[in-house]
Amino acid sequence: KEEDEEGSLFDEINEQEENKDKEDKEENGEGSLFDEINEEEENKEKEELISIMKKEHENEISEINSRHEEEIKIAREEFEKEMTGISKNNEELKNKMNELLKSKQQSLTKWEQKKQ
């Protein structure tokens, strides 16, 4: 019996202390409503921070893509210049080969005429 009485007395004291703690918190603005408001504000701040970080990330990606597009454009222009140069060189070589071939044919024709 004594143990039961001590247990219930102990429980009663604990409950009174918990109630007093709750009252003190509510008086000091630390109640559950205050905690909810704080949590909501913290969540808002986190969401804003996440939003800002997303925008910064998107901007960085956009800048990187722009740089890559510019690099690709420059590389394409350089390639086209090289291809144009190669094409011109090929045309010049072709013309020189044709001239050389004509010259050789003329020489051959003259030689054949002399031979006869």
N, C-alpha and C. Protein backbone atom coordinates (compact mmCIF):
# COMPACT_ATOMS: atom_id res chain seq x y z
N LYS A 1 0.83 -1.19 0.00
CA LYS A 1 0.00 0.00 0.00
C LYS A 1 0.86 1.24 0.00
N GLU A 2 1.90 1.22 0.85
CA GLU A 2 2.77 2.40 0.92
C GLU A 2 3.40 2.68 -0.43
N GLU A 3 3.82 1.61 -1.13
CA GLU A 3 4.43 1.79 -2.44
C GLU A 3 3.44 2.38 -3.42
N ASP A 4 2.20 1.89 -3.38
CA ASP A 4 1.16 2.43 -4.26
C ASP A 4 0.91 3.90 -3.95
N GLU A 5 0.83 4.22 -2.69
CA GLU A 5 0.60 5.62 -2.29
C GLU A 5 1.77 6.48 -2.71
N GLU A 6 3.00 5.96 -2.51
CA GLU A 6 4.19 6.72 -2.91
C GLU A 6 4.20 6.91 -4.42
N GLY A 7 3.85 5.84 -5.17
CA GLY A 7 3.83 5.90 -6.64
C GLY A 7 2.82 6.92 -7.12
N SER A 8 1.61 6.87 -6.54
CA SER A 8 0.60 7.81 -7.00
C SER A 8 0.93 9.23 -6.57
N LEU A 9 1.53 9.39 -5.42
CA LEU A 9 1.97 10.70 -4.96
C LEU A 9 3.06 11.23 -5.88
N PHE A 10 3.98 10.35 -6.23
CA PHE A 10 5.07 10.72 -7.14
C PHE A 10 4.50 11.12 -8.51
N ASP A 11 3.53 10.32 -9.01
CA ASP A 11 2.89 10.64 -10.29
C ASP A 11 2.19 11.98 -10.23
N GLU A 12 1.51 12.22 -9.12
CA GLU A 12 0.78 13.49 -8.96
C GLU A 12 1.74 14.68 -8.95
N ILE A 13 2.85 14.54 -8.28
CA ILE A 13 3.85 15.61 -8.24
C ILE A 13 4.42 15.86 -9.64
N ASN A 14 4.73 14.79 -10.34
CA ASN A 14 5.24 14.91 -11.72
C ASN A 14 4.25 15.63 -12.62
N GLU A 15 3.00 15.25 -12.50
CA GLU A 15 1.96 15.86 -13.33
C GLU A 15 1.83 17.35 -13.02
N GLN A 16 1.89 17.70 -11.71
CA GLN A 16 1.82 19.11 -11.32
C GLN A 16 3.01 19.89 -11.90
N GLU A 17 4.19 19.28 -11.86
CA GLU A 17 5.38 19.94 -12.40
C GLU A 17 5.26 20.13 -13.91
N GLU A 18 4.75 19.12 -14.62
CA GLU A 18 4.57 19.22 -16.07
C GLU A 18 3.57 20.32 -16.40
N ASN A 19 2.47 20.38 -15.64
CA ASN A 19 1.47 21.42 -15.87
C ASN A 19 2.07 22.80 -15.63
N LYS A 20 2.87 22.94 -14.56
CA LYS A 20 3.51 24.21 -14.26
C LYS A 20 4.47 24.59 -15.39
N ASP A 21 5.24 23.59 -15.90
CA ASP A 21 6.17 23.85 -17.00
C ASP A 21 5.39 24.34 -18.23
N LYS A 22 4.27 23.70 -18.54
CA LYS A 22 3.45 24.11 -19.69
C LYS A 22 2.96 25.54 -19.52
N GLU A 23 2.46 25.84 -18.31
CA GLU A 23 1.97 27.20 -18.04
C GLU A 23 3.09 28.22 -18.18
N ASP A 24 4.27 27.88 -17.64
CA ASP A 24 5.41 28.80 -17.76
C ASP A 24 5.78 29.03 -19.22
N LYS A 25 5.79 27.97 -20.00
CA LYS A 25 6.13 28.09 -21.42
C LYS A 25 5.11 28.96 -22.13
N GLU A 26 3.83 28.73 -21.86
CA GLU A 26 2.78 29.52 -22.50
C GLU A 26 2.92 30.99 -22.11
N GLU A 27 3.21 31.27 -20.84
CA GLU A 27 3.39 32.64 -20.39
C GLU A 27 4.60 33.29 -21.07
N ASN A 28 5.64 32.51 -21.30
CA ASN A 28 6.87 33.02 -21.92
C ASN A 28 6.84 32.92 -23.45
N GLY A 29 5.69 32.56 -24.00
CA GLY A 29 5.60 32.45 -25.46
C GLY A 29 6.26 31.21 -26.00
N GLU A 30 6.33 30.17 -25.25
CA GLU A 30 7.00 28.96 -25.70
C GLU A 30 6.02 27.80 -25.80
N GLY A 31 4.74 28.11 -25.93
CA GLY A 31 3.74 27.05 -25.98
C GLY A 31 3.71 26.40 -27.34
N SER A 32 2.82 25.47 -27.51
CA SER A 32 2.73 24.71 -28.75
C SER A 32 2.37 25.62 -29.92
N LEU A 33 1.54 26.64 -29.72
CA LEU A 33 1.21 27.59 -30.78
C LEU A 33 2.45 28.34 -31.22
N PHE A 34 3.22 28.78 -30.24
CA PHE A 34 4.47 29.48 -30.54
C PHE A 34 5.42 28.57 -31.32
N ASP A 35 5.51 27.31 -30.88
CA ASP A 35 6.37 26.34 -31.57
C ASP A 35 5.91 26.14 -33.00
N GLU A 36 4.59 26.04 -33.21
CA GLU A 36 4.05 25.86 -34.57
C GLU A 36 4.41 27.05 -35.45
N ILE A 37 4.24 28.25 -34.91
CA ILE A 37 4.56 29.45 -35.68
C ILE A 37 6.04 29.47 -36.04
N ASN A 38 6.88 29.17 -35.05
CA ASN A 38 8.33 29.11 -35.31
C ASN A 38 8.65 28.09 -36.40
N GLU A 39 8.02 26.93 -36.30
CA GLU A 39 8.28 25.87 -37.28
C GLU A 39 7.84 26.31 -38.67
N GLU A 40 6.68 26.97 -38.75
CA GLU A 40 6.19 27.47 -40.04
C GLU A 40 7.16 28.50 -40.62
N GLU A 41 7.64 29.41 -39.77
CA GLU A 41 8.60 30.42 -40.23
C GLU A 41 9.90 29.77 -40.70
N GLU A 42 10.36 28.78 -39.95
CA GLU A 42 11.58 28.07 -40.35
C GLU A 42 11.38 27.36 -41.68
N ASN A 43 10.21 26.74 -41.85
CA ASN A 43 9.91 26.06 -43.12
C ASN A 43 9.85 27.05 -44.27
N LYS A 44 9.26 28.22 -44.02
CA LYS A 44 9.20 29.27 -45.06
C LYS A 44 10.61 29.70 -45.45
N GLU A 45 11.44 29.93 -44.44
CA GLU A 45 12.81 30.34 -44.70
C GLU A 45 13.56 29.27 -45.49
N LYS A 46 13.35 28.02 -45.14
CA LYS A 46 14.00 26.92 -45.85
C LYS A 46 13.52 26.87 -47.30
N GLU A 47 12.21 27.03 -47.51
CA GLU A 47 11.67 27.01 -48.87
C GLU A 47 12.22 28.17 -49.69
N GLU A 48 12.32 29.36 -49.07
CA GLU A 48 12.88 30.51 -49.77
C GLU A 48 14.34 30.26 -50.14
N LEU A 49 15.09 29.69 -49.20
CA LEU A 49 16.49 29.38 -49.45
C LEU A 49 16.62 28.36 -50.59
N ILE A 50 15.78 27.35 -50.55
CA ILE A 50 15.79 26.34 -51.62
C ILE A 50 15.46 26.98 -52.95
N SER A 51 14.48 27.86 -52.96
CA SER A 51 14.08 28.56 -54.19
C SER A 51 15.25 29.40 -54.74
N ILE A 52 15.90 30.11 -53.85
CA ILE A 52 17.05 30.93 -54.26
C ILE A 52 18.17 30.05 -54.81
N MET A 53 18.43 28.94 -54.13
CA MET A 53 19.49 28.03 -54.59
C MET A 53 19.14 27.43 -55.95
N LYS A 54 17.86 27.09 -56.16
CA LYS A 54 17.43 26.55 -57.45
C LYS A 54 17.65 27.58 -58.55
N LYS A 55 17.27 28.84 -58.29
CA LYS A 55 17.45 29.89 -59.29
C LYS A 55 18.93 30.08 -59.61
N GLU A 56 19.76 30.10 -58.59
CA GLU A 56 21.21 30.24 -58.80
C GLU A 56 21.74 29.07 -59.62
N HIS A 57 21.28 27.88 -59.30
CA HIS A 57 21.71 26.68 -60.04
C HIS A 57 21.27 26.77 -61.51
N GLU A 58 20.03 27.18 -61.73
CA GLU A 58 19.52 27.33 -63.10
C GLU A 58 20.32 28.38 -63.85
N ASN A 59 20.67 29.49 -63.18
CA ASN A 59 21.47 30.53 -63.82
C ASN A 59 22.85 30.01 -64.19
N GLU A 60 23.46 29.24 -63.29
CA GLU A 60 24.78 28.66 -63.57
C GLU A 60 24.71 27.73 -64.77
N ILE A 61 23.68 26.90 -64.82
CA ILE A 61 23.51 25.97 -65.94
C ILE A 61 23.32 26.76 -67.23
N SER A 62 22.52 27.80 -67.17
CA SER A 62 22.28 28.63 -68.35
C SER A 62 23.58 29.27 -68.85
N GLU A 63 24.39 29.77 -67.92
CA GLU A 63 25.67 30.38 -68.29
C GLU A 63 26.59 29.34 -68.93
N ILE A 64 26.64 28.16 -68.35
CA ILE A 64 27.49 27.09 -68.89
C ILE A 64 27.02 26.72 -70.29
N ASN A 65 25.70 26.58 -70.46
CA ASN A 65 25.16 26.24 -71.78
C ASN A 65 25.48 27.32 -72.80
N SER A 66 25.38 28.58 -72.40
CA SER A 66 25.70 29.69 -73.31
C SER A 66 27.16 29.63 -73.73
N ARG A 67 28.06 29.37 -72.75
CA ARG A 67 29.48 29.27 -73.08
C ARG A 67 29.73 28.12 -74.05
N HIS A 68 29.09 26.98 -73.79
CA HIS A 68 29.26 25.82 -74.66
C HIS A 68 28.74 26.12 -76.06
N GLU A 69 27.60 26.78 -76.15
CA GLU A 69 27.05 27.13 -77.47
C GLU A 69 28.01 28.03 -78.22
N GLU A 70 28.60 29.01 -77.52
CA GLU A 70 29.56 29.92 -78.15
C GLU A 70 30.80 29.15 -78.60
N GLU A 71 31.30 28.25 -77.75
CA GLU A 71 32.47 27.45 -78.11
C GLU A 71 32.18 26.58 -79.34
N ILE A 72 30.99 25.99 -79.39
CA ILE A 72 30.60 25.16 -80.52
C ILE A 72 30.51 26.01 -81.79
N LYS A 73 29.94 27.20 -81.66
CA LYS A 73 29.81 28.11 -82.81
C LYS A 73 31.20 28.46 -83.36
N ILE A 74 32.12 28.81 -82.47
CA ILE A 74 33.48 29.15 -82.88
C ILE A 74 34.16 27.96 -83.55
N ALA A 75 34.02 26.79 -82.95
CA ALA A 75 34.63 25.58 -83.51
C ALA A 75 34.05 25.28 -84.89
N ARG A 76 32.75 25.45 -85.05
CA ARG A 76 32.10 25.20 -86.34
C ARG A 76 32.63 26.18 -87.40
N GLU A 77 32.76 27.45 -87.03
CA GLU A 77 33.28 28.45 -87.97
C GLU A 77 34.70 28.12 -88.39
N GLU A 78 35.53 27.72 -87.42
CA GLU A 78 36.92 27.35 -87.74
C GLU A 78 36.95 26.13 -88.65
N PHE A 79 36.10 25.16 -88.37
CA PHE A 79 36.04 23.95 -89.20
C PHE A 79 35.63 24.32 -90.63
N GLU A 80 34.62 25.17 -90.75
CA GLU A 80 34.16 25.57 -92.08
C GLU A 80 35.26 26.32 -92.84
N LYS A 81 36.02 27.16 -92.14
CA LYS A 81 37.15 27.86 -92.78
C LYS A 81 38.18 26.85 -93.28
N GLU A 82 38.50 25.88 -92.43
CA GLU A 82 39.47 24.85 -92.82
C GLU A 82 38.97 24.06 -94.01
N MET A 83 37.70 23.69 -93.98
CA MET A 83 37.14 22.91 -95.10
C MET A 83 37.15 23.74 -96.38
N THR A 84 36.85 25.04 -96.28
CA THR A 84 36.89 25.91 -97.45
C THR A 84 38.32 25.98 -97.99
N GLY A 85 39.27 26.12 -97.07
CA GLY A 85 40.68 26.16 -97.47
C GLY A 85 41.10 24.86 -98.14
N ILE A 86 40.69 23.74 -97.58
CA ILE A 86 41.03 22.43 -98.17
C ILE A 86 40.39 22.31 -99.55
N SER A 87 39.15 22.74 -99.65
CA SER A 87 38.44 22.67 -100.92
C SER A 87 39.17 23.51 -101.98
N LYS A 88 39.59 24.72 -101.60
CA LYS A 88 40.32 25.59 -102.54
C LYS A 88 41.65 24.93 -102.94
N ASN A 89 42.36 24.38 -101.94
CA ASN A 89 43.63 23.70 -102.23
C ASN A 89 43.40 22.53 -103.18
N ASN A 90 42.34 21.78 -102.96
CA ASN A 90 42.04 20.65 -103.84
C ASN A 90 41.76 21.14 -105.27
N GLU A 91 41.04 22.22 -105.37
CA GLU A 91 40.72 22.78 -106.70
C GLU A 91 42.01 23.25 -107.39
N GLU A 92 42.88 23.92 -106.64
CA GLU A 92 44.16 24.38 -107.21
C GLU A 92 45.01 23.18 -107.65
N LEU A 93 45.08 22.16 -106.81
CA LEU A 93 45.84 20.95 -107.18
C LEU A 93 45.25 20.30 -108.44
N LYS A 94 43.96 20.24 -108.49
CA LYS A 94 43.28 19.64 -109.65
C LYS A 94 43.65 20.42 -110.91
N ASN A 95 43.60 21.75 -110.82
CA ASN A 95 43.95 22.58 -111.98
C ASN A 95 45.41 22.37 -112.40
N LYS A 96 46.30 22.32 -111.41
CA LYS A 96 47.72 22.09 -111.72
C LYS A 96 47.93 20.73 -112.36
N MET A 97 47.24 19.71 -111.85
CA MET A 97 47.35 18.36 -112.43
C MET A 97 46.84 18.36 -113.86
N ASN A 98 45.73 19.06 -114.11
CA ASN A 98 45.20 19.13 -115.48
C ASN A 98 46.18 19.84 -116.41
N GLU A 99 46.79 20.93 -115.93
CA GLU A 99 47.79 21.64 -116.74
C GLU A 99 48.98 20.73 -117.03
N LEU A 100 49.44 20.02 -116.01
CA LEU A 100 50.57 19.10 -116.18
C LEU A 100 50.21 17.99 -117.16
N LEU A 101 49.01 17.47 -117.06
CA LEU A 101 48.55 16.42 -117.96
C LEU A 101 48.50 16.93 -119.40
N LYS A 102 47.98 18.13 -119.61
CA LYS A 102 47.93 18.73 -120.95
C LYS A 102 49.33 18.90 -121.51
N SER A 103 50.22 19.40 -120.64
CA SER A 103 51.60 19.61 -121.06
C SER A 103 52.24 18.29 -121.48
N LYS A 104 52.01 17.24 -120.69
CA LYS A 104 52.58 15.93 -121.02
C LYS A 104 51.97 15.38 -122.30
N GLN A 105 50.68 15.59 -122.48
CA GLN A 105 50.03 15.12 -123.70
C GLN A 105 50.59 15.85 -124.92
N GLN A 106 50.80 17.16 -124.73
CA GLN A 106 51.37 17.94 -125.85
C GLN A 106 52.78 17.44 -126.17
N SER A 107 53.55 17.20 -125.12
CA SER A 107 54.91 16.70 -125.31
C SER A 107 54.89 15.35 -126.02
N LEU A 108 53.97 14.50 -125.61
CA LEU A 108 53.85 13.18 -126.22
C LEU A 108 53.44 13.31 -127.69
N THR A 109 52.52 14.19 -127.94
CA THR A 109 52.05 14.40 -129.32
C THR A 109 53.22 14.91 -130.18
N LYS A 110 53.98 15.85 -129.69
CA LYS A 110 55.14 16.39 -130.43
C LYS A 110 56.16 15.28 -130.67
N TRP A 111 56.39 14.49 -129.66
CA TRP A 111 57.38 13.41 -129.79
C TRP A 111 56.93 12.40 -130.84
N GLU A 112 55.60 12.06 -130.82
CA GLU A 112 55.07 11.14 -131.81
C GLU A 112 55.17 11.71 -133.21
N GLN A 113 54.97 13.02 -133.35
CA GLN A 113 55.06 13.66 -134.65
C GLN A 113 56.49 13.63 -135.16
N LYS A 114 57.45 13.87 -134.27
CA LYS A 114 58.86 13.83 -134.63
C LYS A 114 59.25 12.41 -135.01
N LYS A 115 58.69 11.46 -134.35
CA LYS A 115 59.03 10.06 -134.58
C LYS A 115 58.60 9.62 -135.96
N GLN A 116 57.49 10.19 -136.42
CA GLN A 116 56.97 9.78 -137.73
C GLN A 116 57.73 10.48 -138.76
